[in-house]
């Protein structure tokens, strides 16, 4: 909570004095995040992982990831197609509906 209040105060002061230098220095730099912050996080997660538990659960994890993705794509595609046929959404062909379902569902079960 204190960090939030300090951030709000700093942002307010920056806006009050119209300091563009502070705003530019405090902007999010995606290259810095991808090169310097993300790799140590991924390395630490892999290094501290319980390897036997990972391999013991590899089969169920793969089944849920691939099966969940296929099931989610089918359900989303069918819902989009039916919504279009009922006039609730833009009318798409069956192929386009299932393509949209596979596009939207591609990362859903894996990230959860």
PDB file of N, CA and C in Angstrom:
ATOM      1  N   UNK A   1       0.833  -1.189   0.000  1.00  0.00           N
ATOM      2  CA  UNK A   1       0.000   0.000   0.000  1.00  0.00           C
ATOM      3  C   UNK A   1       0.880   1.256   0.000  1.00  0.00           C
ATOM      4  N   UNK A   2       1.968   1.195   0.759  1.00  0.00           N
ATOM      5  CA  UNK A   2       2.855   2.358   0.814  1.00  0.00           C
ATOM      6  C   UNK A   2       3.492   2.612  -0.549  1.00  0.00           C
ATOM      7  N   UNK A   3       3.904   1.526  -1.235  1.00  0.00           N
ATOM      8  CA  UNK A   3       4.488   1.684  -2.566  1.00  0.00           C
ATOM      9  C   UNK A   3       3.504   2.292  -3.545  1.00  0.00           C
ATOM     10  N   UNK A   4       2.234   1.906  -3.435  1.00  0.00           N
ATOM     11  CA  UNK A   4       1.205   2.468  -4.299  1.00  0.00           C
ATOM     12  C   UNK A   4       1.039   3.964  -4.046  1.00  0.00           C
ATOM     13  N   UNK A   5       1.011   4.349  -2.781  1.00  0.00           N
ATOM     14  CA  UNK A   5       0.873   5.762  -2.447  1.00  0.00           C
ATOM     15  C   UNK A   5       2.078   6.580  -2.905  1.00  0.00           C
ATOM     16  N   UNK A   6       3.281   6.017  -2.748  1.00  0.00           N
ATOM     17  CA  UNK A   6       4.481   6.714  -3.226  1.00  0.00           C
ATOM     18  C   UNK A   6       4.438   6.866  -4.743  1.00  0.00           C
ATOM     19  N   UNK A   7       3.995   5.828  -5.446  1.00  0.00           N
ATOM     20  CA  UNK A   7       3.890   5.902  -6.909  1.00  0.00           C
ATOM     21  C   UNK A   7       2.878   6.932  -7.364  1.00  0.00           C
ATOM     22  N   UNK A   8       1.734   6.982  -6.677  1.00  0.00           N
ATOM     23  CA  UNK A   8       0.714   7.979  -7.021  1.00  0.00           C
ATOM     24  C   UNK A   8       1.242   9.391  -6.762  1.00  0.00           C
ATOM     25  N   UNK A   9       1.942   9.556  -5.642  1.00  0.00           N
ATOM     26  CA  UNK A   9       2.509  10.869  -5.327  1.00  0.00           C
ATOM     27  C   UNK A   9       3.560  11.271  -6.359  1.00  0.00           C
ATOM     28  N   UNK A  10       4.433  10.340  -6.751  1.00  0.00           N
ATOM     29  CA  UNK A  10       5.462  10.653  -7.746  1.00  0.00           C
ATOM     30  C   UNK A  10       4.832  10.990  -9.093  1.00  0.00           C
ATOM     31  N   UNK A  11       3.813  10.244  -9.476  1.00  0.00           N
ATOM     32  CA  UNK A  11       3.126  10.537 -10.730  1.00  0.00           C
ATOM     33  C   UNK A  11       2.422  11.876 -10.689  1.00  0.00           C
ATOM     34  N   UNK A  12       1.816  12.202  -9.535  1.00  0.00           N
ATOM     35  CA  UNK A  12       1.155  13.491  -9.387  1.00  0.00           C
ATOM     36  C   UNK A  12       2.138  14.639  -9.468  1.00  0.00           C
ATOM     37  N   UNK A  13       3.295  14.483  -8.820  1.00  0.00           N
ATOM     38  CA  UNK A  13       4.321  15.529  -8.889  1.00  0.00           C
ATOM     39  C   UNK A  13       4.844  15.690 -10.316  1.00  0.00           C
ATOM     40  N   UNK A  14       5.003  14.587 -11.002  1.00  0.00           N
ATOM     41  CA  UNK A  14       5.477  14.642 -12.388  1.00  0.00           C
ATOM     42  C   UNK A  14       4.481  15.386 -13.269  1.00  0.00           C
ATOM     43  N   UNK A  15       3.189  15.111 -13.067  1.00  0.00           N
ATOM     44  CA  UNK A  15       2.165  15.807 -13.856  1.00  0.00           C
ATOM     45  C   UNK A  15       2.060  17.279 -13.470  1.00  0.00           C
ATOM     46  N   UNK A  16       2.225  17.563 -12.159  1.00  0.00           N
ATOM     47  CA  UNK A  16       2.094  18.936 -11.686  1.00  0.00           C
ATOM     48  C   UNK A  16       3.204  19.819 -12.254  1.00  0.00           C
ATOM     49  N   UNK A  17       4.406  19.294 -12.303  1.00  0.00           N
ATOM     50  CA  UNK A  17       5.537  20.070 -12.804  1.00  0.00           C
ATOM     51  C   UNK A  17       5.815  19.809 -14.278  1.00  0.00           C
ATOM     52  N   UNK A  18       4.964  19.011 -14.933  1.00  0.00           N
ATOM     53  CA  UNK A  18       5.073  18.686 -16.347  1.00  0.00           C
ATOM     54  C   UNK A  18       6.475  18.217 -16.712  1.00  0.00           C
ATOM     55  N   UNK A  19       6.973  17.257 -15.950  1.00  0.00           N
ATOM     56  CA  UNK A  19       8.315  16.744 -16.156  1.00  0.00           C
ATOM     57  C   UNK A  19       8.277  15.576 -17.136  1.00  0.00           C
ATOM     58  N   UNK A  20       8.611  15.834 -18.377  1.00  0.00           N
ATOM     59  CA  UNK A  20       8.633  14.781 -19.386  1.00  0.00           C
ATOM     60  C   UNK A  20       9.817  13.848 -19.194  1.00  0.00           C
ATOM     61  N   UNK A  21      10.904  14.344 -18.625  1.00  0.00           N
ATOM     62  CA  UNK A  21      12.085  13.508 -18.401  1.00  0.00           C
ATOM     63  C   UNK A  21      11.767  12.382 -17.441  1.00  0.00           C
ATOM     64  N   UNK A  22      11.045  12.697 -16.361  1.00  0.00           N
ATOM     65  CA  UNK A  22      10.679  11.669 -15.397  1.00  0.00           C
ATOM     66  C   UNK A  22       9.737  10.647 -16.024  1.00  0.00           C
ATOM     67  N   UNK A  23       8.787  11.102 -16.814  1.00  0.00           N
ATOM     68  CA  UNK A  23       7.846  10.192 -17.467  1.00  0.00           C
ATOM     69  C   UNK A  23       8.570   9.271 -18.451  1.00  0.00           C
ATOM     70  N   UNK A  24       9.548   9.797 -19.177  1.00  0.00           N
ATOM     71  CA  UNK A  24      10.299   8.972 -20.123  1.00  0.00           C
ATOM     72  C   UNK A  24      11.189   7.974 -19.408  1.00  0.00           C
ATOM     73  N   UNK A  25      11.784   8.379 -18.288  1.00  0.00           N
ATOM     74  CA  UNK A  25      12.658   7.476 -17.532  1.00  0.00           C
ATOM     75  C   UNK A  25      11.882   6.360 -16.855  1.00  0.00           C
ATOM     76  N   UNK A  26      10.642   6.608 -16.488  1.00  0.00           N
ATOM     77  CA  UNK A  26       9.845   5.632 -15.753  1.00  0.00           C
ATOM     78  C   UNK A  26       8.949   4.786 -16.650  1.00  0.00           C
ATOM     79  N   UNK A  27       9.055   4.934 -17.965  1.00  0.00           N
ATOM     80  CA  UNK A  27       8.212   4.147 -18.865  1.00  0.00           C
ATOM     81  C   UNK A  27       8.707   2.699 -18.928  1.00  0.00           C
ATOM     82  N   UNK A  28       7.802   1.802 -19.270  1.00  0.00           N
ATOM     83  CA  UNK A  28       8.121   0.372 -19.342  1.00  0.00           C
ATOM     84  C   UNK A  28       8.963   0.100 -20.577  1.00  0.00           C
ATOM     85  N   UNK A  29      10.085  -0.586 -20.384  1.00  0.00           N
ATOM     86  CA  UNK A  29      10.969  -0.946 -21.482  1.00  0.00           C
ATOM     87  C   UNK A  29      10.884  -2.448 -21.689  1.00  0.00           C
ATOM     88  N   UNK A  30      10.205  -2.867 -22.745  1.00  0.00           N
ATOM     89  CA  UNK A  30       9.996  -4.297 -22.960  1.00  0.00           C
ATOM     90  C   UNK A  30      11.299  -5.033 -23.270  1.00  0.00           C
ATOM     91  N   UNK A  31      12.247  -4.378 -23.914  1.00  0.00           N
ATOM     92  CA  UNK A  31      13.520  -5.038 -24.200  1.00  0.00           C
ATOM     93  C   UNK A  31      14.278  -5.343 -22.905  1.00  0.00           C
ATOM     94  N   UNK A  32      14.279  -4.406 -21.954  1.00  0.00           N
ATOM     95  CA  UNK A  32      14.931  -4.631 -20.667  1.00  0.00           C
ATOM     96  C   UNK A  32      14.267  -5.789 -19.935  1.00  0.00           C
ATOM     97  N   UNK A  33      12.945  -5.849 -19.994  1.00  0.00           N
ATOM     98  CA  UNK A  33      12.227  -6.935 -19.327  1.00  0.00           C
ATOM     99  C   UNK A  33      12.568  -8.287 -19.942  1.00  0.00           C
ATOM    100  N   UNK A  34      12.543  -8.375 -21.268  1.00  0.00           N
ATOM    101  CA  UNK A  34      12.779  -9.648 -21.948  1.00  0.00           C
ATOM    102  C   UNK A  34      14.229 -10.115 -21.836  1.00  0.00           C
ATOM    103  N   UNK A  35      15.179  -9.197 -21.793  1.00  0.00           N
ATOM    104  CA  UNK A  35      16.588  -9.581 -21.779  1.00  0.00           C
ATOM    105  C   UNK A  35      17.120  -9.764 -20.361  1.00  0.00           C
ATOM    106  N   UNK A  36      16.721  -8.906 -19.426  1.00  0.00           N
ATOM    107  CA  UNK A  36      17.350  -8.906 -18.110  1.00  0.00           C
ATOM    108  C   UNK A  36      16.475  -9.433 -16.977  1.00  0.00           C
ATOM    109  N   UNK A  37      15.170  -9.263 -17.050  1.00  0.00           N
ATOM    110  CA  UNK A  37      14.321  -9.676 -15.927  1.00  0.00           C
ATOM    111  C   UNK A  37      13.692 -11.059 -16.104  1.00  0.00           C
ATOM    112  N   UNK A  38      13.207 -11.355 -17.292  1.00  0.00           N
ATOM    113  CA  UNK A  38      12.512 -12.621 -17.502  1.00  0.00           C
ATOM    114  C   UNK A  38      13.415 -13.850 -17.459  1.00  0.00           C
ATOM    115  N   UNK A  39      14.607 -13.860 -18.073  1.00  0.00           N
ATOM    116  CA  UNK A  39      15.439 -15.070 -18.027  1.00  0.00           C
ATOM    117  C   UNK A  39      15.811 -15.530 -16.614  1.00  0.00           C
ATOM    118  N   UNK A  40      16.177 -14.656 -15.681  1.00  0.00           N
ATOM    119  CA  UNK A  40      16.455 -15.172 -14.328  1.00  0.00           C
ATOM    120  C   UNK A  40      15.231 -15.765 -13.645  1.00  0.00           C
ATOM    121  N   UNK A  41      14.055 -15.228 -13.917  1.00  0.00           N
ATOM    122  CA  UNK A  41      12.841 -15.776 -13.325  1.00  0.00           C
ATOM    123  C   UNK A  41      12.599 -17.181 -13.854  1.00  0.00           C
ATOM    124  N   UNK A  42      12.725 -17.364 -15.171  1.00  0.00           N
ATOM    125  CA  UNK A  42      12.515 -18.686 -15.766  1.00  0.00           C
ATOM    126  C   UNK A  42      13.595 -19.657 -15.299  1.00  0.00           C
ATOM    127  N   UNK A  43      14.855 -19.208 -15.223  1.00  0.00           N
ATOM    128  CA  UNK A  43      15.935 -20.061 -14.759  1.00  0.00           C
ATOM    129  C   UNK A  43      15.705 -20.504 -13.317  1.00  0.00           C
ATOM    130  N   UNK A  44      15.308 -19.590 -12.457  1.00  0.00           N
ATOM    131  CA  UNK A  44      15.067 -19.932 -11.049  1.00  0.00           C
ATOM    132  C   UNK A  44      13.921 -20.929 -10.919  1.00  0.00           C
ATOM    133  N   UNK A  45      12.880 -20.757 -11.709  1.00  0.00           N
ATOM    134  CA  UNK A  45      11.754 -21.691 -11.651  1.00  0.00           C
ATOM    135  C   UNK A  45      12.182 -23.085 -12.108  1.00  0.00           C
ATOM    136  N   UNK A  46      12.976 -23.173 -13.167  1.00  0.00           N
ATOM    137  CA  UNK A  46      13.443 -24.467 -13.637  1.00  0.00           C
ATOM    138  C   UNK A  46      14.462 -25.097 -12.708  1.00  0.00           C
ATOM    139  N   UNK A  47      15.328 -24.280 -12.133  1.00  0.00           N
ATOM    140  CA  UNK A  47      16.376 -24.796 -11.247  1.00  0.00           C
ATOM    141  C   UNK A  47      15.801 -25.334  -9.939  1.00  0.00           C
ATOM    142  N   UNK A  48      14.775 -24.694  -9.430  1.00  0.00           N
ATOM    143  CA  UNK A  48      14.173 -25.106  -8.166  1.00  0.00           C
ATOM    144  C   UNK A  48      12.999 -26.066  -8.328  1.00  0.00           C
ATOM    145  N   UNK A  49      12.785 -26.543  -9.543  1.00  0.00           N
ATOM    146  CA  UNK A  49      11.661 -27.428  -9.805  1.00  0.00           C
ATOM    147  C   UNK A  49      11.917 -28.821  -9.241  1.00  0.00           C
ATOM    148  N   UNK A  50      10.860 -29.441  -8.755  1.00  0.00           N
ATOM    149  CA  UNK A  50      10.929 -30.817  -8.283  1.00  0.00           C
ATOM    150  C   UNK A  50      10.860 -31.734  -9.518  1.00  0.00           C
ATOM    151  N   UNK A  51      12.011 -32.181  -9.988  1.00  0.00           N
ATOM    152  CA  UNK A  51      12.092 -32.926 -11.249  1.00  0.00           C
ATOM    153  C   UNK A  51      11.340 -34.254 -11.197  1.00  0.00           C
ATOM    154  N   UNK A  52      11.488 -35.087 -10.149  1.00  0.00           N
ATOM    155  CA  UNK A  52      10.715 -36.339 -10.135  1.00  0.00           C
ATOM    156  C   UNK A  52       9.204 -36.113 -10.172  1.00  0.00           C
ATOM    157  N   UNK A  53       8.721 -35.113  -9.461  1.00  0.00           N
ATOM    158  CA  UNK A  53       7.284 -34.825  -9.487  1.00  0.00           C
ATOM    159  C   UNK A  53       6.857 -34.352 -10.870  1.00  0.00           C
ATOM    160  N   UNK A  54       7.722 -33.584 -11.549  1.00  0.00           N
ATOM    161  CA  UNK A  54       7.409 -33.121 -12.896  1.00  0.00           C
ATOM    162  C   UNK A  54       7.237 -34.292 -13.857  1.00  0.00           C
ATOM    163  N   UNK A  55       8.188 -35.240 -13.833  1.00  0.00           N
ATOM    164  CA  UNK A  55       8.107 -36.369 -14.750  1.00  0.00           C
ATOM    165  C   UNK A  55       7.022 -37.355 -14.353  1.00  0.00           C
ATOM    166  N   UNK A  56       6.702 -37.452 -13.070  1.00  0.00           N
ATOM    167  CA  UNK A  56       5.583 -38.305 -12.649  1.00  0.00           C
ATOM    168  C   UNK A  56       4.254 -37.778 -13.164  1.00  0.00           C
ATOM    169  N   UNK A  57       4.136 -36.484 -13.291  1.00  0.00           N
ATOM    170  CA  UNK A  57       2.880 -35.861 -13.723  1.00  0.00           C
ATOM    171  C   UNK A  57       2.909 -35.404 -15.174  1.00  0.00           C
ATOM    172  N   UNK A  58       3.889 -35.835 -15.943  1.00  0.00           N
ATOM    173  CA  UNK A  58       4.008 -35.389 -17.325  1.00  0.00           C
ATOM    174  C   UNK A  58       2.850 -35.894 -18.187  1.00  0.00           C
ATOM    175  N   UNK A  59       2.454 -37.143 -18.021  1.00  0.00           N
ATOM    176  CA  UNK A  59       1.347 -37.697 -18.807  1.00  0.00           C
ATOM    177  C   UNK A  59       0.038 -36.966 -18.581  1.00  0.00           C
ATOM    178  N   UNK A  60      -0.416 -36.837 -17.320  1.00  0.00           N
ATOM    179  CA  UNK A  60      -1.660 -36.092 -17.097  1.00  0.00           C
ATOM    180  C   UNK A  60      -1.582 -34.631 -17.546  1.00  0.00           C
ATOM    181  N   UNK A  61      -0.410 -34.024 -17.391  1.00  0.00           N
ATOM    182  CA  UNK A  61      -0.263 -32.630 -17.811  1.00  0.00           C
ATOM    183  C   UNK A  61      -0.418 -32.504 -19.317  1.00  0.00           C
ATOM    184  N   UNK A  62       0.219 -33.392 -20.072  1.00  0.00           N
ATOM    185  CA  UNK A  62       0.108 -33.352 -21.530  1.00  0.00           C
ATOM    186  C   UNK A  62      -1.315 -33.660 -21.989  1.00  0.00           C
ATOM    187  N   UNK A  63      -1.951 -34.632 -21.331  1.00  0.00           N
ATOM    188  CA  UNK A  63      -3.326 -34.975 -21.687  1.00  0.00           C
ATOM    189  C   UNK A  63      -4.249 -33.784 -21.474  1.00  0.00           C
ATOM    190  N   UNK A  64      -4.120 -33.134 -20.324  1.00  0.00           N
ATOM    191  CA  UNK A  64      -4.964 -31.979 -20.055  1.00  0.00           C
ATOM    192  C   UNK A  64      -4.641 -30.812 -20.973  1.00  0.00           C
ATOM    193  N   UNK A  65      -3.370 -30.611 -21.296  1.00  0.00           N
ATOM    194  CA  UNK A  65      -2.998 -29.497 -22.162  1.00  0.00           C
ATOM    195  C   UNK A  65      -3.537 -29.692 -23.578  1.00  0.00           C
ATOM    196  N   UNK A  66      -3.257 -30.853 -24.178  1.00  0.00           N
ATOM    197  CA  UNK A  66      -3.708 -31.078 -25.555  1.00  0.00           C
ATOM    198  C   UNK A  66      -5.210 -31.344 -25.622  1.00  0.00           C
ATOM    199  N   UNK A  67      -5.701 -32.189 -24.736  1.00  0.00           N
ATOM    200  CA  UNK A  67      -7.136 -32.465 -24.728  1.00  0.00           C
ATOM    201  C   UNK A  67      -7.948 -31.232 -24.397  1.00  0.00           C
ATOM    202  N   UNK A  68      -7.480 -30.454 -23.434  1.00  0.00           N
ATOM    203  CA  UNK A  68      -8.184 -29.223 -23.079  1.00  0.00           C
ATOM    204  C   UNK A  68      -8.192 -28.217 -24.203  1.00  0.00           C
ATOM    205  N   UNK A  69      -7.093 -28.137 -24.942  1.00  0.00           N
ATOM    206  CA  UNK A  69      -7.035 -27.201 -26.057  1.00  0.00           C
ATOM    207  C   UNK A  69      -8.005 -27.607 -27.163  1.00  0.00           C
ATOM    208  N   UNK A  70      -8.039 -28.882 -27.494  1.00  0.00           N
ATOM    209  CA  UNK A  70      -8.953 -29.360 -28.543  1.00  0.00           C
ATOM    210  C   UNK A  70     -10.407 -29.173 -28.115  1.00  0.00           C
ATOM    211  N   UNK A  71     -10.712 -29.537 -26.864  1.00  0.00           N
ATOM    212  CA  UNK A  71     -12.076 -29.376 -26.365  1.00  0.00           C
ATOM    213  C   UNK A  71     -12.486 -27.909 -26.328  1.00  0.00           C
ATOM    214  N   UNK A  72     -11.602 -27.049 -25.850  1.00  0.00           N
ATOM    215  CA  UNK A  72     -11.904 -25.620 -25.790  1.00  0.00           C
ATOM    216  C   UNK A  72     -12.108 -25.043 -27.186  1.00  0.00           C
ATOM    217  N   UNK A  73     -11.268 -25.439 -28.139  1.00  0.00           N
ATOM    218  CA  UNK A  73     -11.424 -24.949 -29.512  1.00  0.00           C
ATOM    219  C   UNK A  73     -12.763 -25.380 -30.097  1.00  0.00           C
ATOM    220  N   UNK A  74     -13.168 -26.618 -29.839  1.00  0.00           N
ATOM    221  CA  UNK A  74     -14.443 -27.110 -30.355  1.00  0.00           C
ATOM    222  C   UNK A  74     -15.620 -26.373 -29.724  1.00  0.00           C
ATOM    223  N   UNK A  75     -15.579 -26.178 -28.428  1.00  0.00           N
ATOM    224  CA  UNK A  75     -16.682 -25.505 -27.742  1.00  0.00           C
ATOM    225  C   UNK A  75     -16.784 -24.045 -28.166  1.00  0.00           C
ATOM    226  N   UNK A  76     -15.653 -23.344 -28.212  1.00  0.00           N
ATOM    227  CA  UNK A  76     -15.677 -21.936 -28.616  1.00  0.00           C
ATOM    228  C   UNK A  76     -16.116 -21.807 -30.074  1.00  0.00           C
ATOM    229  N   UNK A  77     -15.611 -22.664 -30.950  1.00  0.00           N
ATOM    230  CA  UNK A  77     -16.012 -22.621 -32.358  1.00  0.00           C
ATOM    231  C   UNK A  77     -17.498 -22.875 -32.536  1.00  0.00           C
ATOM    232  N   UNK A  78     -18.024 -23.861 -31.813  1.00  0.00           N
ATOM    233  CA  UNK A  78     -19.453 -24.157 -31.908  1.00  0.00           C
ATOM    234  C   UNK A  78     -20.294 -23.007 -31.367  1.00  0.00           C
ATOM    235  N   UNK A  79     -19.861 -22.417 -30.258  1.00  0.00           N
ATOM    236  CA  UNK A  79     -20.610 -21.286 -29.684  1.00  0.00           C
ATOM    237  C   UNK A  79     -20.603 -20.084 -30.621  1.00  0.00           C
ATOM    238  N   UNK A  80     -19.467 -19.801 -31.240  1.00  0.00           N
ATOM    239  CA  UNK A  80     -19.389 -18.672 -32.169  1.00  0.00           C
ATOM    240  C   UNK A  80     -20.275 -18.934 -33.385  1.00  0.00           C
ATOM    241  N   UNK A  81     -20.252 -20.164 -33.887  1.00  0.00           N
ATOM    242  CA  UNK A  81     -21.074 -20.498 -35.048  1.00  0.00           C
ATOM    243  C   UNK A  81     -22.565 -20.378 -34.717  1.00  0.00           C
ATOM    244  N   UNK A  82     -22.964 -20.934 -33.571  1.00  0.00           N
ATOM    245  CA  UNK A  82     -24.375 -20.873 -33.184  1.00  0.00           C
ATOM    246  C   UNK A  82     -24.813 -19.441 -32.893  1.00  0.00           C
ATOM    247  N   UNK A  83     -23.955 -18.654 -32.269  1.00  0.00           N
ATOM    248  CA  UNK A  83     -24.302 -17.256 -32.005  1.00  0.00           C
ATOM    249  C   UNK A  83     -24.497 -16.496 -33.316  1.00  0.00           C
ATOM    250  N   UNK A  84     -23.694 -16.802 -34.304  1.00  0.00           N
ATOM    251  CA  UNK A  84     -23.855 -16.165 -35.611  1.00  0.00           C
ATOM    252  C   UNK A  84     -25.136 -16.591 -36.291  1.00  0.00           C
ATOM    253  N   UNK A  85     -25.487 -17.864 -36.181  1.00  0.00           N
ATOM    254  CA  UNK A  85     -26.714 -18.362 -36.800  1.00  0.00           C
ATOM    255  C   UNK A  85     -27.956 -17.783 -36.131  1.00  0.00           C
ATOM    256  N   UNK A  86     -27.872 -17.517 -34.839  1.00  0.00           N
ATOM    257  CA  UNK A  86     -29.004 -16.944 -34.108  1.00  0.00           C
ATOM    258  C   UNK A  86     -29.076 -15.423 -34.237  1.00  0.00           C
ATOM    259  N   UNK A  87     -28.085 -14.817 -34.868  1.00  0.00           N
ATOM    260  CA  UNK A  87     -28.086 -13.377 -35.053  1.00  0.00           C
ATOM    261  C   UNK A  87     -27.536 -12.605 -33.865  1.00  0.00           C
ATOM    262  N   UNK A  88     -26.889 -13.293 -32.936  1.00  0.00           N
ATOM    263  CA  UNK A  88     -26.330 -12.634 -31.756  1.00  0.00           C
ATOM    264  C   UNK A  88     -24.933 -12.095 -32.010  1.00  0.00           C
ATOM    265  N   UNK A  89     -24.294 -12.561 -33.044  1.00  0.00           N
ATOM    266  CA  UNK A  89     -22.926 -12.147 -33.367  1.00  0.00           C
ATOM    267  C   UNK A  89     -22.793 -12.109 -34.884  1.00  0.00           C
ATOM    268  N   UNK A  90     -21.638 -11.693 -35.343  1.00  0.00           N
ATOM    269  CA  UNK A  90     -21.364 -11.667 -36.773  1.00  0.00           C
ATOM    270  C   UNK A  90     -21.405 -13.088 -37.312  1.00  0.00           C
ATOM    271  N   UNK A  91     -22.106 -13.297 -38.402  1.00  0.00           N
ATOM    272  CA  UNK A  91     -22.277 -14.635 -38.962  1.00  0.00           C
ATOM    273  C   UNK A  91     -21.000 -15.082 -39.674  1.00  0.00           C
ATOM    274  N   UNK A  92     -20.414 -16.178 -39.179  1.00  0.00           N
ATOM    275  CA  UNK A  92     -19.216 -16.763 -39.775  1.00  0.00           C
ATOM    276  C   UNK A  92     -19.544 -18.137 -40.319  1.00  0.00           C
ATOM    277  N   UNK A  93     -18.741 -18.582 -41.265  1.00  0.00           N
ATOM    278  CA  UNK A  93     -18.906 -19.952 -41.753  1.00  0.00           C
ATOM    279  C   UNK A  93     -18.435 -20.919 -40.663  1.00  0.00           C
ATOM    280  N   UNK A  94     -18.752 -22.197 -40.829  1.00  0.00           N
ATOM    281  CA  UNK A  94     -18.364 -23.196 -39.843  1.00  0.00           C
ATOM    282  C   UNK A  94     -16.842 -23.280 -39.739  1.00  0.00           C
ATOM    283  N   UNK A  95     -16.162 -23.251 -40.881  1.00  0.00           N
ATOM    284  CA  UNK A  95     -14.704 -23.310 -40.883  1.00  0.00           C
ATOM    285  C   UNK A  95     -14.105 -22.089 -40.184  1.00  0.00           C
ATOM    286  N   UNK A  96     -14.617 -20.915 -40.481  1.00  0.00           N
ATOM    287  CA  UNK A  96     -14.104 -19.688 -39.849  1.00  0.00           C
ATOM    288  C   UNK A  96     -14.380 -19.699 -38.348  1.00  0.00           C
ATOM    289  N   UNK A  97     -15.519 -20.224 -37.937  1.00  0.00           N
ATOM    290  CA  UNK A  97     -15.846 -20.296 -36.510  1.00  0.00           C
ATOM    291  C   UNK A  97     -14.882 -21.206 -35.771  1.00  0.00           C
ATOM    292  N   UNK A  98     -14.595 -22.365 -36.333  1.00  0.00           N
ATOM    293  CA  UNK A  98     -13.659 -23.280 -35.671  1.00  0.00           C
ATOM    294  C   UNK A  98     -12.219 -22.777 -35.762  1.00  0.00           C
ATOM    295  N   UNK A  99     -11.913 -22.048 -36.817  1.00  0.00           N
ATOM    296  CA  UNK A  99     -10.588 -21.417 -36.882  1.00  0.00           C
ATOM    297  C   UNK A  99     -10.439 -20.386 -35.773  1.00  0.00           C
ATOM    298  N   UNK A 100     -11.480 -19.579 -35.572  1.00  0.00           N
ATOM    299  CA  UNK A 100     -11.463 -18.605 -34.493  1.00  0.00           C
ATOM    300  C   UNK A 100     -11.365 -19.306 -33.140  1.00  0.00           C
ATOM    301  N   UNK A 101     -12.098 -20.389 -32.960  1.00  0.00           N
ATOM    302  CA  UNK A 101     -12.039 -21.147 -31.716  1.00  0.00           C
ATOM    303  C   UNK A 101     -10.651 -21.692 -31.446  1.00  0.00           C
ATOM    304  N   UNK A 102      -9.980 -22.195 -32.476  1.00  0.00           N
ATOM    305  CA  UNK A 102      -8.624 -22.718 -32.278  1.00  0.00           C
ATOM    306  C   UNK A 102      -7.631 -21.597 -32.014  1.00  0.00           C
ATOM    307  N   UNK A 103      -7.859 -20.449 -32.605  1.00  0.00           N
ATOM    308  CA  UNK A 103      -6.967 -19.310 -32.378  1.00  0.00           C
ATOM    309  C   UNK A 103      -7.094 -18.789 -30.947  1.00  0.00           C
ATOM    310  N   UNK A 104      -8.315 -18.679 -30.449  1.00  0.00           N
ATOM    311  CA  UNK A 104      -8.555 -18.154 -29.110  1.00  0.00           C
ATOM    312  C   UNK A 104      -8.161 -19.173 -28.043  1.00  0.00           C
ATOM    313  N   UNK A 105      -8.361 -20.447 -28.297  1.00  0.00           N
ATOM    314  CA  UNK A 105      -8.121 -21.475 -27.303  1.00  0.00           C
ATOM    315  C   UNK A 105      -6.695 -21.993 -27.273  1.00  0.00           C
ATOM    316  N   UNK A 106      -5.835 -21.474 -28.101  1.00  0.00           N
ATOM    317  CA  UNK A 106      -4.496 -22.054 -28.246  1.00  0.00           C
ATOM    318  C   UNK A 106      -3.685 -22.027 -26.960  1.00  0.00           C
ATOM    319  N   UNK A 107      -3.813 -21.004 -26.155  1.00  0.00           N
ATOM    320  CA  UNK A 107      -2.992 -20.933 -24.938  1.00  0.00           C
ATOM    321  C   UNK A 107      -3.796 -21.090 -23.666  1.00  0.00           C
ATOM    322  N   UNK A 108      -5.101 -21.160 -23.745  1.00  0.00           N
ATOM    323  CA  UNK A 108      -5.942 -21.176 -22.554  1.00  0.00           C
ATOM    324  C   UNK A 108      -5.628 -22.305 -21.571  1.00  0.00           C
ATOM    325  N   UNK A 109      -5.757 -23.571 -21.946  1.00  0.00           N
ATOM    326  CA  UNK A 109      -5.517 -24.636 -20.969  1.00  0.00           C
ATOM    327  C   UNK A 109      -4.050 -24.756 -20.550  1.00  0.00           C
ATOM    328  N   UNK A 110      -3.156 -24.355 -21.421  1.00  0.00           N
ATOM    329  CA  UNK A 110      -1.737 -24.484 -21.098  1.00  0.00           C
ATOM    330  C   UNK A 110      -1.327 -23.472 -20.040  1.00  0.00           C
ATOM    331  N   UNK A 111      -1.829 -22.254 -20.143  1.00  0.00           N
ATOM    332  CA  UNK A 111      -1.433 -21.229 -19.188  1.00  0.00           C
ATOM    333  C   UNK A 111      -2.100 -21.397 -17.833  1.00  0.00           C
ATOM    334  N   UNK A 112      -3.240 -22.031 -17.801  1.00  0.00           N
ATOM    335  CA  UNK A 112      -3.931 -22.229 -16.519  1.00  0.00           C
ATOM    336  C   UNK A 112      -3.262 -23.356 -15.809  1.00  0.00           C
TER     337      UNK A 112
END
